[in-house]
């Protein structure tokens, strides 16, 4: 028997770069990633406490590299406090 390629991921937003999609993320994506309500994502943006986002017209988007940097910074802060 020959080995077959693994099936494509079920999620159309399949991850391509280190666990993050190869596109700008939406508030829905951020809420899903962090398992928080979408309103929490908007509160983070208003309070400037979450990953930095930017506007494209009337839409908010997040750069996956900025989200990664945010997570890395949070991990470092947690490890430093422990």
N, C-alpha and C. Protein backbone atom coordinates (compact mmCIF):
# COMPACT_ATOMS: atom_id res chain seq x y z
N UNK A 1 0.83 -1.19 0.00
CA UNK A 1 0.00 0.00 0.00
C UNK A 1 0.87 1.25 0.00
N UNK A 2 0.45 2.23 -0.71
CA UNK A 2 1.20 3.47 -0.72
C UNK A 2 0.59 4.45 0.27
N UNK A 3 1.45 5.29 0.80
CA UNK A 3 0.98 6.29 1.76
C UNK A 3 0.25 7.39 1.00
N UNK A 4 -0.85 7.83 1.58
CA UNK A 4 -1.61 8.90 0.95
C UNK A 4 -1.38 10.19 1.72
N UNK A 5 -1.59 11.29 1.05
CA UNK A 5 -1.44 12.59 1.70
C UNK A 5 -2.56 12.77 2.72
N UNK A 6 -2.27 13.45 3.81
CA UNK A 6 -3.33 13.68 4.80
C UNK A 6 -4.44 14.53 4.19
N UNK A 7 -5.67 14.33 4.65
CA UNK A 7 -6.77 15.13 4.10
C UNK A 7 -6.59 16.60 4.46
N UNK A 8 -7.11 17.50 3.65
CA UNK A 8 -6.99 18.92 3.97
C UNK A 8 -7.75 19.22 5.26
N UNK A 9 -7.29 20.23 6.01
CA UNK A 9 -7.98 20.58 7.26
C UNK A 9 -9.45 20.92 7.00
N UNK A 10 -10.30 20.58 7.94
CA UNK A 10 -11.73 20.86 7.80
C UNK A 10 -12.02 22.36 7.85
N UNK A 11 -11.21 23.10 8.58
CA UNK A 11 -11.42 24.54 8.72
C UNK A 11 -10.89 25.25 7.47
N UNK A 12 -11.71 26.01 6.78
CA UNK A 12 -11.21 26.72 5.60
C UNK A 12 -10.17 27.77 5.94
N UNK A 13 -10.10 28.15 7.21
CA UNK A 13 -9.08 29.11 7.63
C UNK A 13 -7.84 28.35 8.10
N UNK A 14 -7.48 27.31 7.36
CA UNK A 14 -6.38 26.42 7.75
C UNK A 14 -5.13 27.23 8.05
N UNK A 15 -4.43 26.80 9.05
CA UNK A 15 -3.24 27.52 9.47
C UNK A 15 -2.06 27.21 8.56
N UNK A 16 -1.33 28.26 8.24
CA UNK A 16 -0.19 28.11 7.35
C UNK A 16 1.12 28.56 7.99
N UNK A 17 1.06 29.50 8.88
CA UNK A 17 2.29 30.04 9.47
C UNK A 17 2.24 29.89 10.97
N UNK A 18 2.91 28.89 11.49
CA UNK A 18 3.05 28.73 12.93
C UNK A 18 1.74 28.77 13.69
N UNK A 19 0.71 28.16 13.19
CA UNK A 19 -0.54 28.09 13.93
C UNK A 19 -1.51 29.22 13.65
N UNK A 20 -1.16 30.17 12.81
CA UNK A 20 -2.07 31.27 12.51
C UNK A 20 -2.38 31.30 11.01
N UNK A 21 -3.59 31.70 10.65
CA UNK A 21 -3.94 31.76 9.22
C UNK A 21 -3.05 32.74 8.46
N UNK A 22 -2.92 32.50 7.19
CA UNK A 22 -2.11 33.36 6.31
C UNK A 22 -3.00 34.44 5.71
N UNK A 23 -3.64 35.21 6.58
CA UNK A 23 -4.50 36.32 6.17
C UNK A 23 -4.76 37.17 7.40
N UNK A 24 -5.30 38.35 7.21
CA UNK A 24 -5.65 39.18 8.35
C UNK A 24 -6.84 38.56 9.08
N UNK A 25 -6.83 38.67 10.38
CA UNK A 25 -7.85 38.05 11.22
C UNK A 25 -8.97 39.03 11.53
N UNK A 26 -10.16 38.51 11.73
CA UNK A 26 -11.32 39.32 12.09
C UNK A 26 -11.54 39.24 13.60
N UNK A 27 -12.37 40.12 14.16
CA UNK A 27 -12.71 40.00 15.58
C UNK A 27 -13.30 38.63 15.92
N UNK A 28 -14.07 38.05 15.00
CA UNK A 28 -14.61 36.70 15.22
C UNK A 28 -13.48 35.69 15.37
N UNK A 29 -12.45 35.81 14.52
CA UNK A 29 -11.31 34.91 14.61
C UNK A 29 -10.62 35.03 15.97
N UNK A 30 -10.41 36.26 16.41
CA UNK A 30 -9.74 36.50 17.69
C UNK A 30 -10.57 35.92 18.83
N UNK A 31 -11.87 36.15 18.79
CA UNK A 31 -12.76 35.61 19.84
C UNK A 31 -12.68 34.09 19.87
N UNK A 32 -12.67 33.47 18.71
CA UNK A 32 -12.58 32.02 18.63
C UNK A 32 -11.23 31.51 19.14
N UNK A 33 -10.15 32.18 18.74
CA UNK A 33 -8.82 31.76 19.16
C UNK A 33 -8.64 31.79 20.67
N UNK A 34 -9.13 32.86 21.28
CA UNK A 34 -8.94 33.04 22.72
C UNK A 34 -10.12 32.54 23.54
N UNK A 35 -11.12 32.00 22.84
CA UNK A 35 -12.32 31.45 23.49
C UNK A 35 -12.97 32.46 24.43
N UNK A 36 -13.20 33.65 23.88
CA UNK A 36 -13.87 34.72 24.61
C UNK A 36 -14.99 35.26 23.73
N UNK A 37 -15.97 35.92 24.33
CA UNK A 37 -17.03 36.54 23.51
C UNK A 37 -16.45 37.65 22.62
N UNK A 38 -17.10 37.87 21.50
CA UNK A 38 -16.63 38.92 20.58
C UNK A 38 -16.63 40.28 21.26
N UNK A 39 -17.57 40.53 22.17
CA UNK A 39 -17.61 41.80 22.89
C UNK A 39 -16.32 42.00 23.69
N UNK A 40 -15.76 40.93 24.22
CA UNK A 40 -14.50 41.03 24.95
C UNK A 40 -13.39 41.52 24.02
N UNK A 41 -13.37 41.03 22.80
CA UNK A 41 -12.37 41.47 21.82
C UNK A 41 -12.51 42.97 21.58
N UNK A 42 -13.76 43.45 21.45
CA UNK A 42 -13.97 44.88 21.23
C UNK A 42 -13.58 45.69 22.47
N UNK A 43 -13.81 45.15 23.66
CA UNK A 43 -13.38 45.84 24.89
C UNK A 43 -11.85 45.92 24.94
N UNK A 44 -11.18 44.85 24.57
CA UNK A 44 -9.71 44.87 24.54
C UNK A 44 -9.23 45.98 23.62
N UNK A 45 -9.90 46.12 22.48
CA UNK A 45 -9.48 47.16 21.52
C UNK A 45 -9.72 48.55 22.10
N UNK A 46 -10.90 48.77 22.71
CA UNK A 46 -11.20 50.08 23.31
C UNK A 46 -10.22 50.41 24.43
N UNK A 47 -9.88 49.40 25.25
CA UNK A 47 -9.00 49.62 26.40
C UNK A 47 -7.52 49.46 26.05
N UNK A 48 -7.24 49.10 24.81
CA UNK A 48 -5.87 48.87 24.34
C UNK A 48 -5.14 47.84 25.20
N UNK A 49 -5.83 46.74 25.51
CA UNK A 49 -5.23 45.69 26.33
C UNK A 49 -5.02 44.39 25.57
N UNK A 50 -5.60 44.23 24.41
CA UNK A 50 -5.47 43.00 23.65
C UNK A 50 -4.51 43.17 22.48
N UNK A 51 -4.54 42.22 21.56
CA UNK A 51 -3.68 42.35 20.39
C UNK A 51 -4.07 43.59 19.59
N UNK A 52 -3.09 44.29 19.04
CA UNK A 52 -3.40 45.51 18.29
C UNK A 52 -4.11 45.19 16.98
N UNK A 53 -5.15 45.95 16.71
CA UNK A 53 -5.89 45.80 15.47
C UNK A 53 -5.78 47.09 14.66
N UNK A 54 -6.29 47.04 13.47
CA UNK A 54 -6.30 48.22 12.62
C UNK A 54 -7.58 48.21 11.80
N UNK A 55 -7.94 49.37 11.30
CA UNK A 55 -9.17 49.49 10.52
C UNK A 55 -8.88 49.41 9.03
N UNK A 56 -9.77 48.72 8.35
CA UNK A 56 -9.81 48.71 6.89
C UNK A 56 -11.22 49.15 6.57
N UNK A 57 -11.36 50.44 6.27
CA UNK A 57 -12.69 51.00 6.12
C UNK A 57 -13.40 50.95 7.46
N UNK A 58 -14.55 50.32 7.51
CA UNK A 58 -15.27 50.23 8.78
C UNK A 58 -14.99 48.92 9.52
N UNK A 59 -14.12 48.09 8.97
CA UNK A 59 -13.83 46.78 9.55
C UNK A 59 -12.52 46.79 10.35
N UNK A 60 -12.50 46.05 11.45
CA UNK A 60 -11.28 45.88 12.24
C UNK A 60 -10.63 44.58 11.82
N UNK A 61 -9.32 44.64 11.63
CA UNK A 61 -8.55 43.44 11.27
C UNK A 61 -7.33 43.37 12.17
N UNK A 62 -6.79 42.15 12.27
CA UNK A 62 -5.62 41.89 13.11
C UNK A 62 -4.58 41.17 12.27
N UNK A 63 -3.33 41.64 12.36
CA UNK A 63 -2.23 40.99 11.65
C UNK A 63 -1.81 39.78 12.48
N UNK A 64 -1.73 38.58 11.88
CA UNK A 64 -1.32 37.41 12.64
C UNK A 64 0.02 37.59 13.36
N UNK A 65 0.95 38.33 12.76
CA UNK A 65 2.25 38.57 13.41
C UNK A 65 2.07 39.38 14.69
N UNK A 66 1.14 40.36 14.68
CA UNK A 66 0.88 41.15 15.88
C UNK A 66 0.21 40.30 16.96
N UNK A 67 -0.67 39.39 16.54
CA UNK A 67 -1.33 38.50 17.50
C UNK A 67 -0.29 37.59 18.15
N UNK A 68 0.63 37.06 17.34
CA UNK A 68 1.70 36.22 17.86
C UNK A 68 2.56 37.00 18.86
N UNK A 69 2.92 38.23 18.52
CA UNK A 69 3.72 39.05 19.42
C UNK A 69 2.98 39.33 20.73
N UNK A 70 1.68 39.56 20.63
CA UNK A 70 0.86 39.78 21.83
C UNK A 70 0.90 38.55 22.74
N UNK A 71 0.70 37.38 22.15
CA UNK A 71 0.70 36.14 22.93
C UNK A 71 2.07 35.92 23.56
N UNK A 72 3.12 36.12 22.79
CA UNK A 72 4.48 35.95 23.31
C UNK A 72 4.73 36.91 24.47
N UNK A 73 4.29 38.15 24.33
CA UNK A 73 4.44 39.13 25.40
C UNK A 73 3.68 38.74 26.65
N UNK A 74 2.47 38.22 26.47
CA UNK A 74 1.67 37.78 27.62
C UNK A 74 2.33 36.61 28.32
N UNK A 75 2.87 35.68 27.54
CA UNK A 75 3.56 34.53 28.14
C UNK A 75 4.78 34.99 28.93
N UNK A 76 5.55 35.91 28.37
CA UNK A 76 6.73 36.43 29.05
C UNK A 76 6.35 37.14 30.35
N UNK A 77 5.27 37.93 30.29
CA UNK A 77 4.82 38.65 31.49
C UNK A 77 4.38 37.67 32.58
N UNK A 78 3.69 36.60 32.16
CA UNK A 78 3.23 35.60 33.13
C UNK A 78 4.41 34.87 33.74
N UNK A 79 5.39 34.51 32.93
CA UNK A 79 6.56 33.79 33.44
C UNK A 79 7.39 34.68 34.35
N UNK A 80 7.47 35.96 34.03
CA UNK A 80 8.22 36.90 34.85
C UNK A 80 7.55 37.14 36.19
N UNK A 81 6.21 37.05 36.23
CA UNK A 81 5.47 37.28 37.47
C UNK A 81 5.46 36.05 38.37
N UNK A 82 5.76 34.89 37.79
CA UNK A 82 5.70 33.64 38.56
C UNK A 82 6.92 33.43 39.43
